Amino acid sequence: MKREIHPEYVETQVSCTCGASFTTRSTIESGSIRADVCSECHPFYTGKQKILDTGGRVARFEARFGKASAGSTK
């Protein structure tokens, strides 16, 4: 690395809105980062992820426009 062209790499405290906090390293000057979500509260990591109802959407589309056969022509 060239000297005097890179920002200072400092220890940084990350705090989430859920109350979790951890220490990492970053080039941010303030030394603290506030995050909206983290691995402690994100649904993907907590196992509380919701599955979207894609079947309902397909049924609603078919009811609206009808089911077309694969070989039909206009």
Protein backbone atom coordinates (compact mmCIF):
# COMPACT_ATOMS: atom_id res chain seq x y z
CA MET A 1 0.00 0.00 0.00
CA LYS A 2 1.17 3.50 -0.73
CA ARG A 3 1.58 5.68 2.30
CA GLU A 4 -0.60 8.74 2.95
CA ILE A 5 -3.31 7.96 0.35
CA HIS A 6 -5.43 5.44 2.28
CA PRO A 7 -7.86 6.35 5.06
CA GLU A 8 -7.13 5.32 8.64
CA TYR A 9 -8.39 1.79 9.46
CA VAL A 10 -9.80 1.98 12.98
CA GLU A 11 -11.75 -0.16 15.41
CA THR A 12 -15.47 0.60 15.01
CA GLN A 13 -18.45 -0.12 17.25
CA VAL A 14 -21.57 -1.25 15.32
CA SER A 15 -24.90 -0.91 17.14
CA CYS A 16 -28.26 -2.11 15.83
CA THR A 17 -31.73 -0.77 16.55
CA CYS A 18 -32.54 -4.10 18.26
CA GLY A 19 -29.88 -3.37 20.89
CA ALA A 20 -27.18 -5.76 19.68
CA SER A 21 -23.68 -4.38 19.24
CA PHE A 22 -20.32 -5.69 18.09
CA THR A 23 -16.87 -4.43 17.26
CA THR A 24 -15.29 -4.52 13.82
CA ARG A 25 -12.79 -2.47 11.85
CA SER A 26 -13.65 0.20 9.30
CA THR A 27 -12.39 3.37 7.66
CA ILE A 28 -15.30 5.44 9.00
CA GLU A 29 -13.92 8.40 10.92
CA SER A 30 -16.47 8.54 13.73
CA GLY A 31 -15.69 5.05 15.04
CA SER A 32 -19.35 4.06 15.30
CA ILE A 33 -21.99 2.73 12.91
CA ARG A 34 -25.74 2.53 13.55
CA ALA A 35 -27.47 -0.27 11.63
CA ASP A 36 -31.18 -0.89 11.09
CA VAL A 37 -30.84 -4.69 11.01
CA CYS A 38 -28.15 -7.17 11.99
CA SER A 39 -27.73 -10.93 12.19
CA GLU A 40 -29.37 -10.90 15.63
CA CYS A 41 -32.69 -9.49 14.38
CA HIS A 42 -32.85 -10.14 10.61
CA PRO A 43 -35.56 -12.73 9.80
CA PHE A 44 -33.24 -14.74 7.55
CA TYR A 45 -30.77 -15.37 10.38
CA THR A 46 -33.33 -15.80 13.17
CA GLY A 47 -35.35 -18.44 11.31
CA LYS A 48 -38.54 -16.39 11.45
CA GLN A 49 -38.55 -15.70 7.73
CA LYS A 50 -41.98 -15.43 6.12
CA ILE A 51 -42.68 -17.36 2.94
CA LEU A 52 -44.49 -15.30 0.35
CA ASP A 53 -47.85 -16.56 -0.87
CA THR A 54 -46.95 -16.94 -4.54
CA GLY A 55 -49.66 -19.56 -5.04
CA GLY A 56 -52.34 -17.04 -4.20
CA ARG A 57 -50.95 -14.61 -6.71
CA VAL A 58 -50.96 -17.22 -9.47
CA ALA A 59 -54.55 -18.22 -8.67
CA ARG A 60 -55.62 -14.57 -8.71
CA PHE A 61 -53.94 -14.05 -12.10
CA GLU A 62 -55.59 -17.16 -13.56
CA ALA A 63 -58.98 -16.08 -12.25
CA ARG A 64 -58.53 -12.66 -13.79
CA PHE A 65 -57.21 -13.65 -17.22
CA GLY A 66 -58.13 -17.32 -17.48
CA LYS A 67 -55.88 -20.26 -18.11
CA ALA A 68 -54.55 -20.32 -21.67
CA SER A 69 -53.55 -23.59 -23.27
CA ALA A 70 -49.98 -23.90 -24.51
CA GLY A 71 -50.90 -24.31 -28.18
CA SER A 72 -53.71 -21.76 -28.45
CA THR A 73 -53.60 -19.05 -31.10
CA LYS A 74 -55.46 -15.80 -31.24
